[in-house]
PDB file of all heavy atoms in Angstrom:
ATOM      1  N   LEU A   1       0.769  -1.173  -0.042  1.00  0.00           N
ATOM      2  CA  LEU A   1      -0.009  -0.085  -0.024  1.00  0.00           C
ATOM      3  C   LEU A   1       0.909   1.198   0.051  1.00  0.00           C
ATOM      4  O   LEU A   1       1.491   1.658   1.147  1.00  0.00           O
ATOM      5  CB  LEU A   1      -0.864   0.020   1.257  1.00  0.00           C
ATOM      6  CG  LEU A   1      -1.998   1.051   1.340  1.00  0.00           C
ATOM      7  CD1 LEU A   1      -3.033   0.937   0.060  1.00  0.00           C
ATOM      8  CD2 LEU A   1      -2.887   0.780   2.496  1.00  0.00           C
ATOM      9  N   PRO A   2       0.997   1.769  -1.084  1.00  0.00           N
ATOM     10  CA  PRO A   2       1.887   3.070  -1.228  1.00  0.00           C
ATOM     11  C   PRO A   2       1.457   4.262  -0.405  1.00  0.00           C
ATOM     12  O   PRO A   2       0.251   4.504  -0.128  1.00  0.00           O
ATOM     13  CB  PRO A   2       1.840   3.310  -2.619  1.00  0.00           C
ATOM     14  CG  PRO A   2       1.481   2.174  -3.409  1.00  0.00           C
ATOM     15  CD  PRO A   2       0.528   1.517  -2.562  1.00  0.00           C
ATOM     16  N   ILE A   3       2.395   4.984   0.155  1.00  0.00           N
ATOM     17  CA  ILE A   3       2.144   6.081   1.079  1.00  0.00           C
ATOM     18  C   ILE A   3       2.575   7.477   0.277  1.00  0.00           C
ATOM     19  O   ILE A   3       3.695   7.464  -0.234  1.00  0.00           O
ATOM     20  CB  ILE A   3       2.867   6.061   2.377  1.00  0.00           C
ATOM     21  CG1 ILE A   3       2.739   4.695   3.051  1.00  0.00           C
ATOM     22  CG2 ILE A   3       2.633   7.212   3.284  1.00  0.00           C
ATOM     23  CD1 ILE A   3       3.697   4.487   4.173  1.00  0.00           C
ATOM     24  N   PHE A   4       1.700   8.398   0.304  1.00  0.00           N
ATOM     25  CA  PHE A   4       1.901   9.577  -0.513  1.00  0.00           C
ATOM     26  C   PHE A   4       1.720  10.830   0.375  1.00  0.00           C
ATOM     27  O   PHE A   4       0.894  10.893   1.376  1.00  0.00           O
ATOM     28  CB  PHE A   4       0.958   9.691  -1.563  1.00  0.00           C
ATOM     29  CG  PHE A   4       1.197   8.759  -2.692  1.00  0.00           C
ATOM     30  CD1 PHE A   4       0.338   7.578  -2.599  1.00  0.00           C
ATOM     31  CD2 PHE A   4       1.919   8.767  -3.694  1.00  0.00           C
ATOM     32  CE1 PHE A   4       0.397   6.521  -3.573  1.00  0.00           C
ATOM     33  CE2 PHE A   4       1.980   7.744  -4.676  1.00  0.00           C
ATOM     34  CZ  PHE A   4       1.189   6.639  -4.580  1.00  0.00           C
ATOM     35  N   LEU A   5       2.497  12.001   0.036  1.00  0.00           N
ATOM     36  CA  LEU A   5       2.141  13.256   0.416  1.00  0.00           C
ATOM     37  C   LEU A   5       1.573  13.937  -0.740  1.00  0.00           C
ATOM     38  O   LEU A   5       2.182  14.076  -1.836  1.00  0.00           O
ATOM     39  CB  LEU A   5       3.473  14.025   0.852  1.00  0.00           C
ATOM     40  CG  LEU A   5       3.278  15.525   1.446  1.00  0.00           C
ATOM     41  CD1 LEU A   5       2.441  15.530   2.784  1.00  0.00           C
ATOM     42  CD2 LEU A   5       4.608  16.201   1.520  1.00  0.00           C
ATOM     43  N   ALA A   6       0.316  14.426  -0.587  1.00  0.00           N
ATOM     44  CA  ALA A   6      -0.264  15.085  -1.717  1.00  0.00           C
ATOM     45  C   ALA A   6      -1.463  15.979  -1.226  1.00  0.00           C
ATOM     46  O   ALA A   6      -1.808  15.985  -0.109  1.00  0.00           O
ATOM     47  CB  ALA A   6      -1.021  14.025  -2.535  1.00  0.00           C
ATOM     48  N   ARG A   7      -2.049  16.751  -2.132  1.00  0.00           N
ATOM     49  CA  ARG A   7      -3.099  17.712  -1.767  1.00  0.00           C
ATOM     50  C   ARG A   7      -4.515  17.007  -1.941  1.00  0.00           C
ATOM     51  O   ARG A   7      -5.460  17.419  -1.243  1.00  0.00           O
ATOM     52  CB  ARG A   7      -3.101  18.842  -2.689  1.00  0.00           C
ATOM     53  CG  ARG A   7      -1.733  19.792  -2.555  1.00  0.00           C
ATOM     54  CD  ARG A   7      -1.828  20.853  -3.539  1.00  0.00           C
ATOM     55  NE  ARG A   7      -0.545  21.789  -3.476  1.00  0.00           N
ATOM     56  CZ  ARG A   7       0.510  21.424  -4.079  1.00  0.00           C
ATOM     57  NH1 ARG A   7       0.523  20.369  -5.026  1.00  0.00           N
ATOM     58  NH2 ARG A   7       1.612  22.180  -4.071  1.00  0.00           N
ATOM     59  N   ASP A   8      -4.495  15.990  -2.620  1.00  0.00           N
ATOM     60  CA  ASP A   8      -5.764  15.303  -2.817  1.00  0.00           C
ATOM     61  C   ASP A   8      -5.508  13.821  -3.229  1.00  0.00           C
ATOM     62  O   ASP A   8      -4.495  13.472  -3.715  1.00  0.00           O
ATOM     63  CB  ASP A   8      -6.525  15.959  -3.947  1.00  0.00           C
ATOM     64  CG  ASP A   8      -7.986  15.483  -4.047  1.00  0.00           C
ATOM     65  OD1 ASP A   8      -8.802  15.937  -3.379  1.00  0.00           O
ATOM     66  OD2 ASP A   8      -8.229  14.516  -4.913  1.00  0.00           O
ATOM     67  N   HIS A   9      -6.497  12.989  -2.826  1.00  0.00           N
ATOM     68  CA  HIS A   9      -6.338  11.645  -3.047  1.00  0.00           C
ATOM     69  C   HIS A   9      -6.198  11.270  -4.554  1.00  0.00           C
ATOM     70  O   HIS A   9      -5.471  10.343  -4.996  1.00  0.00           O
ATOM     71  CB  HIS A   9      -7.619  10.816  -2.468  1.00  0.00           C
ATOM     72  CG  HIS A   9      -7.516   9.312  -2.726  1.00  0.00           C
ATOM     73  ND1 HIS A   9      -8.003   8.554  -3.647  1.00  0.00           N
ATOM     74  CD2 HIS A   9      -6.946   8.484  -1.749  1.00  0.00           C
ATOM     75  CE1 HIS A   9      -7.730   7.335  -3.508  1.00  0.00           C
ATOM     76  NE2 HIS A   9      -7.179   7.293  -2.276  1.00  0.00           N
ATOM     77  N   ASP A  10      -6.836  12.086  -5.478  1.00  0.00           N
ATOM     78  CA  ASP A  10      -6.772  11.866  -6.910  1.00  0.00           C
ATOM     79  C   ASP A  10      -5.382  12.252  -7.449  1.00  0.00           C
ATOM     80  O   ASP A  10      -5.088  11.941  -8.545  1.00  0.00           O
ATOM     81  CB  ASP A  10      -7.961  12.763  -7.550  1.00  0.00           C
ATOM     82  CG  ASP A  10      -9.296  12.207  -7.255  1.00  0.00           C
ATOM     83  OD1 ASP A  10      -9.407  11.137  -6.913  1.00  0.00           O
ATOM     84  OD2 ASP A  10     -10.211  12.951  -7.316  1.00  0.00           O
ATOM     85  N   ASP A  11      -4.667  12.963  -6.694  1.00  0.00           N
ATOM     86  CA  ASP A  11      -3.333  13.286  -7.259  1.00  0.00           C
ATOM     87  C   ASP A  11      -2.349  12.102  -7.074  1.00  0.00           C
ATOM     88  O   ASP A  11      -1.190  12.165  -7.626  1.00  0.00           O
ATOM     89  CB  ASP A  11      -2.764  14.450  -6.343  1.00  0.00           C
ATOM     90  CG  ASP A  11      -3.460  15.830  -6.665  1.00  0.00           C
ATOM     91  OD1 ASP A  11      -4.065  16.002  -7.611  1.00  0.00           O
ATOM     92  OD2 ASP A  11      -3.254  16.678  -5.875  1.00  0.00           O
ATOM     93  N   CYS A  12      -2.705  11.182  -6.444  1.00  0.00           N
ATOM     94  CA  CYS A  12      -1.890  10.007  -6.149  1.00  0.00           C
ATOM     95  C   CYS A  12      -1.859   8.909  -7.278  1.00  0.00           C
ATOM     96  O   CYS A  12      -2.142   7.683  -7.060  1.00  0.00           O
ATOM     97  CB  CYS A  12      -2.024   9.223  -4.897  1.00  0.00           C
ATOM     98  SG  CYS A  12      -1.994  10.379  -3.467  1.00  0.00           S
ATOM     99  N   VAL A  13      -1.817   9.483  -8.467  1.00  0.00           N
ATOM    100  CA  VAL A  13      -1.994   8.608  -9.768  1.00  0.00           C
ATOM    101  C   VAL A  13      -0.761   8.883 -10.541  1.00  0.00           C
ATOM    102  O   VAL A  13      -0.467   9.988 -10.973  1.00  0.00           O
ATOM    103  CB  VAL A  13      -3.276   8.939 -10.574  1.00  0.00           C
ATOM    104  CG1 VAL A  13      -3.333   8.192 -11.908  1.00  0.00           C
ATOM    105  CG2 VAL A  13      -4.522   8.762  -9.694  1.00  0.00           C
ATOM    106  N   PRO A  14      -0.010   7.876 -11.001  1.00  0.00           N
ATOM    107  CA  PRO A  14       1.320   8.058 -11.751  1.00  0.00           C
ATOM    108  C   PRO A  14       0.989   8.452 -13.155  1.00  0.00           C
ATOM    109  O   PRO A  14      -0.005   8.091 -13.754  1.00  0.00           O
ATOM    110  CB  PRO A  14       1.867   6.700 -11.621  1.00  0.00           C
ATOM    111  CG  PRO A  14       0.712   5.581 -11.483  1.00  0.00           C
ATOM    112  CD  PRO A  14      -0.293   6.334 -10.691  1.00  0.00           C
ATOM    113  N   GLY A  15       1.982   9.139 -13.642  1.00  0.00           N
ATOM    114  CA  GLY A  15       1.872   9.512 -15.024  1.00  0.00           C
ATOM    115  C   GLY A  15       2.614   8.488 -15.841  1.00  0.00           C
ATOM    116  O   GLY A  15       3.097   7.495 -15.217  1.00  0.00           O
ATOM    117  N   PRO A  16       2.847   8.720 -17.123  1.00  0.00           N
ATOM    118  CA  PRO A  16       3.633   7.743 -17.924  1.00  0.00           C
ATOM    119  C   PRO A  16       5.051   7.654 -17.568  1.00  0.00           C
ATOM    120  O   PRO A  16       5.670   8.550 -16.941  1.00  0.00           O
ATOM    121  CB  PRO A  16       3.539   8.316 -19.327  1.00  0.00           C
ATOM    122  CG  PRO A  16       3.236   9.814 -19.188  1.00  0.00           C
ATOM    123  CD  PRO A  16       2.459   9.899 -17.880  1.00  0.00           C
ATOM    124  N   VAL A  17       5.726   6.562 -17.841  1.00  0.00           N
ATOM    125  CA  VAL A  17       7.146   6.279 -17.574  1.00  0.00           C
ATOM    126  C   VAL A  17       7.916   7.278 -18.305  1.00  0.00           C
ATOM    127  O   VAL A  17       7.867   7.480 -19.457  1.00  0.00           O
ATOM    128  CB  VAL A  17       7.564   4.815 -17.867  1.00  0.00           C
ATOM    129  CG1 VAL A  17       9.021   4.690 -17.647  1.00  0.00           C
ATOM    130  CG2 VAL A  17       6.705   3.876 -17.250  1.00  0.00           C
ATOM    131  N   SER A  18       8.784   8.067 -17.490  1.00  0.00           N
ATOM    132  CA  SER A  18       9.522   9.207 -18.132  1.00  0.00           C
ATOM    133  C   SER A  18      10.946   8.860 -18.194  1.00  0.00           C
ATOM    134  O   SER A  18      11.750   9.721 -18.549  1.00  0.00           O
ATOM    135  CB  SER A  18       9.304  10.584 -17.272  1.00  0.00           C
ATOM    136  OG  SER A  18       9.741  10.210 -15.934  1.00  0.00           O
ATOM    137  N   GLY A  19      11.324   7.742 -17.762  1.00  0.00           N
ATOM    138  CA  GLY A  19      12.808   7.373 -17.763  1.00  0.00           C
ATOM    139  C   GLY A  19      13.565   8.015 -16.559  1.00  0.00           C
ATOM    140  O   GLY A  19      12.943   8.396 -15.623  1.00  0.00           O
ATOM    141  N   GLU A  20      14.921   7.932 -16.669  1.00  0.00           N
ATOM    142  CA  GLU A  20      15.684   8.396 -15.520  1.00  0.00           C
ATOM    143  C   GLU A  20      15.699   9.970 -15.469  1.00  0.00           C
ATOM    144  O   GLU A  20      15.267  10.589 -16.402  1.00  0.00           O
ATOM    145  CB  GLU A  20      17.194   7.947 -15.757  1.00  0.00           C
ATOM    146  CG  GLU A  20      17.297   6.455 -15.693  1.00  0.00           C
ATOM    147  CD  GLU A  20      17.054   5.876 -14.405  1.00  0.00           C
ATOM    148  OE1 GLU A  20      17.215   6.566 -13.504  1.00  0.00           O
ATOM    149  OE2 GLU A  20      16.500   4.804 -14.301  1.00  0.00           O
ATOM    150  N   PHE A  21      16.169  10.439 -14.347  1.00  0.00           N
ATOM    151  CA  PHE A  21      16.323  11.965 -14.306  1.00  0.00           C
ATOM    152  C   PHE A  21      17.193  12.448 -15.390  1.00  0.00           C
ATOM    153  O   PHE A  21      18.104  11.631 -15.834  1.00  0.00           O
ATOM    154  CB  PHE A  21      17.023  12.439 -13.021  1.00  0.00           C
ATOM    155  CG  PHE A  21      16.008  12.288 -11.801  1.00  0.00           C
ATOM    156  CD1 PHE A  21      16.173  11.523 -10.696  1.00  0.00           C
ATOM    157  CD2 PHE A  21      14.742  13.029 -11.862  1.00  0.00           C
ATOM    158  CE1 PHE A  21      15.484  11.480  -9.590  1.00  0.00           C
ATOM    159  CE2 PHE A  21      13.933  13.034 -10.739  1.00  0.00           C
ATOM    160  CZ  PHE A  21      14.183  12.117  -9.669  1.00  0.00           C
ATOM    161  N   SER A  22      17.163  13.666 -15.827  1.00  0.00           N
ATOM    162  CA  SER A  22      17.822  14.174 -16.947  1.00  0.00           C
ATOM    163  C   SER A  22      19.330  14.203 -16.783  1.00  0.00           C
ATOM    164  O   SER A  22      20.134  14.003 -17.728  1.00  0.00           O
ATOM    165  CB  SER A  22      17.374  15.674 -17.241  1.00  0.00           C
ATOM    166  OG  SER A  22      17.656  16.511 -16.168  1.00  0.00           O
ATOM    167  N   THR A  23      19.798  14.318 -15.530  1.00  0.00           N
ATOM    168  CA  THR A  23      21.321  14.160 -15.201  1.00  0.00           C
ATOM    169  C   THR A  23      21.362  13.218 -14.007  1.00  0.00           C
ATOM    170  O   THR A  23      20.531  13.184 -13.192  1.00  0.00           O
ATOM    171  CB  THR A  23      21.881  15.439 -14.794  1.00  0.00           C
ATOM    172  OG1 THR A  23      21.102  16.031 -13.606  1.00  0.00           O
ATOM    173  CG2 THR A  23      21.710  16.531 -15.885  1.00  0.00           C
ATOM    174  N   SER A  24      22.354  12.417 -14.153  1.00  0.00           N
ATOM    175  CA  SER A  24      22.607  11.376 -13.015  1.00  0.00           C
ATOM    176  C   SER A  24      23.354  12.053 -11.931  1.00  0.00           C
ATOM    177  O   SER A  24      24.649  12.330 -12.235  1.00  0.00           O
ATOM    178  CB  SER A  24      23.243  10.110 -13.606  1.00  0.00           C
ATOM    179  OG  SER A  24      22.574   9.558 -14.718  1.00  0.00           O
ATOM    180  N   PRO A  25      22.887  12.038 -10.727  1.00  0.00           N
ATOM    181  CA  PRO A  25      23.719  12.627  -9.581  1.00  0.00           C
ATOM    182  C   PRO A  25      24.867  11.691  -9.131  1.00  0.00           C
ATOM    183  O   PRO A  25      24.717  10.477  -9.294  1.00  0.00           O
ATOM    184  CB  PRO A  25      22.585  12.900  -8.614  1.00  0.00           C
ATOM    185  CG  PRO A  25      21.607  11.925  -8.906  1.00  0.00           C
ATOM    186  CD  PRO A  25      21.646  11.700 -10.371  1.00  0.00           C
ATOM    187  N   VAL A  26      25.801  12.167  -8.447  1.00  0.00           N
ATOM    188  CA  VAL A  26      26.872  11.351  -7.821  1.00  0.00           C
ATOM    189  C   VAL A  26      26.201  10.843  -6.479  1.00  0.00           C
ATOM    190  O   VAL A  26      25.823  11.766  -5.676  1.00  0.00           O
ATOM    191  CB  VAL A  26      28.081  12.158  -7.641  1.00  0.00           C
ATOM    192  CG1 VAL A  26      29.176  11.236  -6.963  1.00  0.00           C
ATOM    193  CG2 VAL A  26      28.572  12.663  -9.075  1.00  0.00           C
ATOM    194  N   VAL A  27      26.214   9.659  -6.357  1.00  0.00           N
ATOM    195  CA  VAL A  27      25.617   9.111  -5.056  1.00  0.00           C
ATOM    196  C   VAL A  27      26.527   9.246  -3.899  1.00  0.00           C
ATOM    197  O   VAL A  27      27.737   9.034  -4.019  1.00  0.00           O
ATOM    198  CB  VAL A  27      25.383   7.538  -5.257  1.00  0.00           C
ATOM    199  CG1 VAL A  27      24.866   7.020  -3.984  1.00  0.00           C
ATOM    200  CG2 VAL A  27      24.420   7.279  -6.342  1.00  0.00           C
ATOM    201  N   ARG A  28      26.016   9.929  -2.905  1.00  0.00           N
ATOM    202  CA  ARG A  28      26.795  10.260  -1.685  1.00  0.00           C
ATOM    203  C   ARG A  28      26.248   9.669  -0.387  1.00  0.00           C
ATOM    204  O   ARG A  28      25.043   9.230  -0.518  1.00  0.00           O
ATOM    205  CB  ARG A  28      26.911  11.725  -1.463  1.00  0.00           C
ATOM    206  CG  ARG A  28      27.501  12.423  -2.723  1.00  0.00           C
ATOM    207  CD  ARG A  28      27.420  13.882  -2.584  1.00  0.00           C
ATOM    208  NE  ARG A  28      26.098  14.322  -2.816  1.00  0.00           N
ATOM    209  CZ  ARG A  28      25.673  15.588  -3.072  1.00  0.00           C
ATOM    210  NH1 ARG A  28      26.608  16.530  -2.854  1.00  0.00           N
ATOM    211  NH2 ARG A  28      24.436  16.015  -3.204  1.00  0.00           N
ATOM    212  N   GLU A  29      26.928   9.609   0.583  1.00  0.00           N
ATOM    213  CA  GLU A  29      26.399   9.110   1.832  1.00  0.00           C
ATOM    214  C   GLU A  29      25.387  10.117   2.385  1.00  0.00           C
ATOM    215  O   GLU A  29      25.550  11.270   2.412  1.00  0.00           O
ATOM    216  CB  GLU A  29      27.476   8.947   2.879  1.00  0.00           C
ATOM    217  CG  GLU A  29      26.954   8.065   4.134  1.00  0.00           C
ATOM    218  CD  GLU A  29      28.194   7.906   5.177  1.00  0.00           C
ATOM    219  OE1 GLU A  29      29.396   8.381   4.805  1.00  0.00           O
ATOM    220  OE2 GLU A  29      27.974   7.215   6.104  1.00  0.00           O
ATOM    221  N   ALA A  30      24.270   9.481   2.973  1.00  0.00           N
ATOM    222  CA  ALA A  30      23.141  10.434   3.449  1.00  0.00           C
ATOM    223  C   ALA A  30      23.668  11.172   4.700  1.00  0.00           C
ATOM    224  O   ALA A  30      24.515  10.685   5.414  1.00  0.00           O
ATOM    225  CB  ALA A  30      22.014   9.495   3.849  1.00  0.00           C
ATOM    226  N   PRO A  31      23.219  12.454   4.886  1.00  0.00           N
ATOM    227  CA  PRO A  31      23.593  13.204   5.985  1.00  0.00           C
ATOM    228  C   PRO A  31      23.261  12.589   7.298  1.00  0.00           C
ATOM    229  O   PRO A  31      22.222  11.853   7.397  1.00  0.00           O
ATOM    230  CB  PRO A  31      22.788  14.518   5.884  1.00  0.00           C
ATOM    231  CG  PRO A  31      22.385  14.592   4.381  1.00  0.00           C
ATOM    232  CD  PRO A  31      22.292  13.056   3.948  1.00  0.00           C
ATOM    233  N   ARG A  32      24.163  12.672   8.280  1.00  0.00           N
ATOM    234  CA  ARG A  32      23.927  11.984   9.600  1.00  0.00           C
ATOM    235  C   ARG A  32      23.040  12.948  10.529  1.00  0.00           C
ATOM    236  O   ARG A  32      22.886  14.141  10.136  1.00  0.00           O
ATOM    237  CB  ARG A  32      25.245  11.601  10.263  1.00  0.00           C
ATOM    238  CG  ARG A  32      25.980  10.644   9.491  1.00  0.00           C
ATOM    239  CD  ARG A  32      25.215   9.331   9.288  1.00  0.00           C
ATOM    240  NE  ARG A  32      25.901   8.228   8.471  1.00  0.00           N
ATOM    241  CZ  ARG A  32      25.293   7.168   8.117  1.00  0.00           C
ATOM    242  NH1 ARG A  32      24.074   7.042   8.188  1.00  0.00           N
ATOM    243  NH2 ARG A  32      26.082   6.298   7.472  1.00  0.00           N
ATOM    244  N   GLU A  33      22.590  12.479  11.572  1.00  0.00           N
ATOM    245  CA  GLU A  33      21.726  13.278  12.473  1.00  0.00           C
ATOM    246  C   GLU A  33      22.790  14.345  13.062  1.00  0.00           C
ATOM    247  O   GLU A  33      24.068  14.193  13.299  1.00  0.00           O
ATOM    248  CB  GLU A  33      21.406  12.280  13.635  1.00  0.00           C
ATOM    249  CG  GLU A  33      20.349  13.074  14.653  1.00  0.00           C
ATOM    250  CD  GLU A  33      19.866  12.067  15.452  1.00  0.00           C
ATOM    251  OE1 GLU A  33      20.375  10.990  15.596  1.00  0.00           O
ATOM    252  OE2 GLU A  33      18.929  12.444  16.326  1.00  0.00           O
ATOM    253  N   PRO A  34      22.266  15.539  13.227  1.00  0.00           N
ATOM    254  CA  PRO A  34      23.102  16.594  13.726  1.00  0.00           C
ATOM    255  C   PRO A  34      23.922  16.260  14.951  1.00  0.00           C
ATOM    256  O   PRO A  34      23.407  15.590  15.854  1.00  0.00           O
ATOM    257  CB  PRO A  34      22.124  17.764  13.941  1.00  0.00           C
ATOM    258  CG  PRO A  34      21.027  17.487  13.094  1.00  0.00           C
ATOM    259  CD  PRO A  34      20.984  15.895  13.050  1.00  0.00           C
ATOM    260  N   ALA A  35      25.042  16.914  15.154  1.00  0.00           N
ATOM    261  CA  ALA A  35      25.824  16.595  16.349  1.00  0.00           C
ATOM    262  C   ALA A  35      25.057  17.054  17.603  1.00  0.00           C
ATOM    263  O   ALA A  35      24.223  17.981  17.514  1.00  0.00           O
ATOM    264  CB  ALA A  35      27.147  17.418  16.307  1.00  0.00           C
ATOM    265  N   GLY A  36      25.224  16.200  18.592  1.00  0.00           N
ATOM    266  CA  GLY A  36      24.522  16.536  19.916  1.00  0.00           C
ATOM    267  C   GLY A  36      24.803  17.877  20.611  1.00  0.00           C
ATOM    268  O   GLY A  36      25.825  18.463  20.332  1.00  0.00           O
ATOM    269  N   GLY A  37      24.009  18.153  21.383  1.00  0.00           N
ATOM    270  CA  GLY A  37      24.164  19.456  22.096  1.00  0.00           C
ATOM    271  C   GLY A  37      23.159  19.429  23.282  1.00  0.00           C
ATOM    272  O   GLY A  37      22.644  18.399  23.672  1.00  0.00           O
ATOM    273  N   THR A  38      23.073  20.570  23.823  1.00  0.00           N
ATOM    274  CA  THR A  38      22.082  20.745  24.997  1.00  0.00           C
ATOM    275  C   THR A  38      21.001  21.669  24.648  1.00  0.00           C
ATOM    276  O   THR A  38      21.146  22.762  24.188  1.00  0.00           O
ATOM    277  CB  THR A  38      22.974  21.312  26.290  1.00  0.00           C
ATOM    278  OG1 THR A  38      23.921  20.337  26.564  1.00  0.00           O
ATOM    279  CG2 THR A  38      22.017  21.447  27.387  1.00  0.00           C
ATOM    280  N   LEU A  39      19.782  21.409  24.991  1.00  0.00           N
ATOM    281  CA  LEU A  39      18.588  22.157  24.884  1.00  0.00           C
ATOM    282  C   LEU A  39      18.155  22.702  26.185  1.00  0.00           C
ATOM    283  O   LEU A  39      18.049  21.956  27.100  1.00  0.00           O
ATOM    284  CB  LEU A  39      17.423  21.354  24.256  1.00  0.00           C
ATOM    285  CG  LEU A  39      17.532  20.709  22.824  1.00  0.00           C
ATOM    286  CD1 LEU A  39      16.313  19.874  22.547  1.00  0.00           C
ATOM    287  CD2 LEU A  39      17.740  21.760  21.810  1.00  0.00           C
ATOM    288  N   ARG A  40      18.139  23.995  26.398  1.00  0.00           N
ATOM    289  CA  ARG A  40      17.683  24.638  27.604  1.00  0.00           C
ATOM    290  C   ARG A  40      16.266  25.099  27.468  1.00  0.00           C
ATOM    291  O   ARG A  40      15.932  25.959  26.660  1.00  0.00           O
ATOM    292  CB  ARG A  40      18.601  25.807  27.883  1.00  0.00           C
ATOM    293  CG  ARG A  40      20.035  25.329  28.306  1.00  0.00           C
ATOM    294  CD  ARG A  40      20.888  26.442  28.997  1.00  0.00           C
ATOM    295  NE  ARG A  40      20.380  26.432  30.329  1.00  0.00           N
ATOM    296  CZ  ARG A  40      19.816  27.575  30.856  1.00  0.00           C
ATOM    297  NH1 ARG A  40      19.631  28.699  30.146  1.00  0.00           N
ATOM    298  NH2 ARG A  40      19.342  27.530  32.161  1.00  0.00           N
ATOM    299  N   VAL A  41      15.320  24.429  28.135  1.00  0.00           N
ATOM    300  CA  VAL A  41      13.936  24.607  27.799  1.00  0.00           C
ATOM    301  C   VAL A  41      13.374  25.155  29.087  1.00  0.00           C
ATOM    302  O   VAL A  41      13.550  24.630  30.250  1.00  0.00           O
ATOM    303  CB  VAL A  41      13.258  23.270  27.542  1.00  0.00           C
ATOM    304  CG1 VAL A  41      11.790  23.571  27.209  1.00  0.00           C
ATOM    305  CG2 VAL A  41      13.918  22.674  26.231  1.00  0.00           C
ATOM    306  N   LEU A  42      12.548  26.250  28.921  1.00  0.00           N
ATOM    307  CA  LEU A  42      11.697  26.730  30.114  1.00  0.00           C
ATOM    308  C   LEU A  42      10.164  26.357  29.695  1.00  0.00           C
ATOM    309  O   LEU A  42       9.670  26.792  28.687  1.00  0.00           O
ATOM    310  CB  LEU A  42      11.835  28.306  30.133  1.00  0.00           C
ATOM    311  CG  LEU A  42      10.992  29.028  31.144  1.00  0.00           C
ATOM    312  CD1 LEU A  42      11.313  28.564  32.529  1.00  0.00           C
ATOM    313  CD2 LEU A  42      11.088  30.607  31.040  1.00  0.00           C
ATOM    314  N   LEU A  43       9.722  25.669  30.604  1.00  0.00           N
ATOM    315  CA  LEU A  43       8.275  25.179  30.409  1.00  0.00           C
ATOM    316  C   LEU A  43       7.355  25.524  31.393  1.00  0.00           C
ATOM    317  O   LEU A  43       7.471  25.486  32.555  1.00  0.00           O
ATOM    318  CB  LEU A  43       8.305  23.569  30.411  1.00  0.00           C
ATOM    319  CG  LEU A  43       7.098  22.764  29.921  1.00  0.00           C
ATOM    320  CD1 LEU A  43       7.581  21.358  29.306  1.00  0.00           C
ATOM    321  CD2 LEU A  43       6.046  22.714  30.954  1.00  0.00           C
ATOM    322  N   PHE A  44       6.229  26.264  30.795  1.00  0.00           N
ATOM    323  CA  PHE A  44       5.284  26.833  31.701  1.00  0.00           C
ATOM    324  C   PHE A  44       4.043  25.859  31.745  1.00  0.00           C
ATOM    325  O   PHE A  44       3.449  25.623  30.678  1.00  0.00           O
ATOM    326  CB  PHE A  44       4.800  28.197  31.321  1.00  0.00           C
ATOM    327  CG  PHE A  44       5.880  29.235  31.524  1.00  0.00           C
ATOM    328  CD1 PHE A  44       6.521  29.670  30.352  1.00  0.00           C
ATOM    329  CD2 PHE A  44       6.151  29.753  32.741  1.00  0.00           C
ATOM    330  CE1 PHE A  44       7.524  30.758  30.447  1.00  0.00           C
ATOM    331  CE2 PHE A  44       7.158  30.786  32.949  1.00  0.00           C
ATOM    332  CZ  PHE A  44       7.839  31.099  31.852  1.00  0.00           C
ATOM    333  N   GLY A  45       3.578  25.455  32.973  1.00  0.00           N
ATOM    334  CA  GLY A  45       2.364  24.616  33.177  1.00  0.00           C
ATOM    335  C   GLY A  45       2.776  23.143  33.393  1.00  0.00           C
ATOM    336  O   GLY A  45       3.801  22.725  32.972  1.00  0.00           O
ATOM    337  N   TRP A  46       1.818  22.460  33.777  1.00  0.00           N
ATOM    338  CA  TRP A  46       1.838  20.993  34.114  1.00  0.00           C
ATOM    339  C   TRP A  46       0.582  20.289  33.623  1.00  0.00           C
ATOM    340  O   TRP A  46      -0.499  20.708  33.851  1.00  0.00           O
ATOM    341  CB  TRP A  46       2.096  20.757  35.522  1.00  0.00           C
ATOM    342  CG  TRP A  46       2.419  19.302  35.878  1.00  0.00           C
ATOM    343  CD1 TRP A  46       1.602  18.232  36.240  1.00  0.00           C
ATOM    344  CD2 TRP A  46       3.699  18.666  35.671  1.00  0.00           C
ATOM    345  NE1 TRP A  46       2.230  17.055  36.347  1.00  0.00           N
ATOM    346  CE2 TRP A  46       3.440  17.296  35.909  1.00  0.00           C
ATOM    347  CE3 TRP A  46       5.000  19.105  35.289  1.00  0.00           C
ATOM    348  CZ2 TRP A  46       4.532  16.275  35.967  1.00  0.00           C
ATOM    349  CZ3 TRP A  46       5.982  18.162  35.197  1.00  0.00           C
ATOM    350  CH2 TRP A  46       5.814  16.803  35.582  1.00  0.00           C
TER     351      TRP A  46
END
């Protein structure tokens, strides 16, 4: 069951096969989670 982000259910319909992207990107390693740090949070209410 494919999952989509769309404005409407009817938009989740594929068009014709268009082939590869016009230019082939150089495959790189995916970015890692940002370096750790400290969040200082002031929270009002319980």
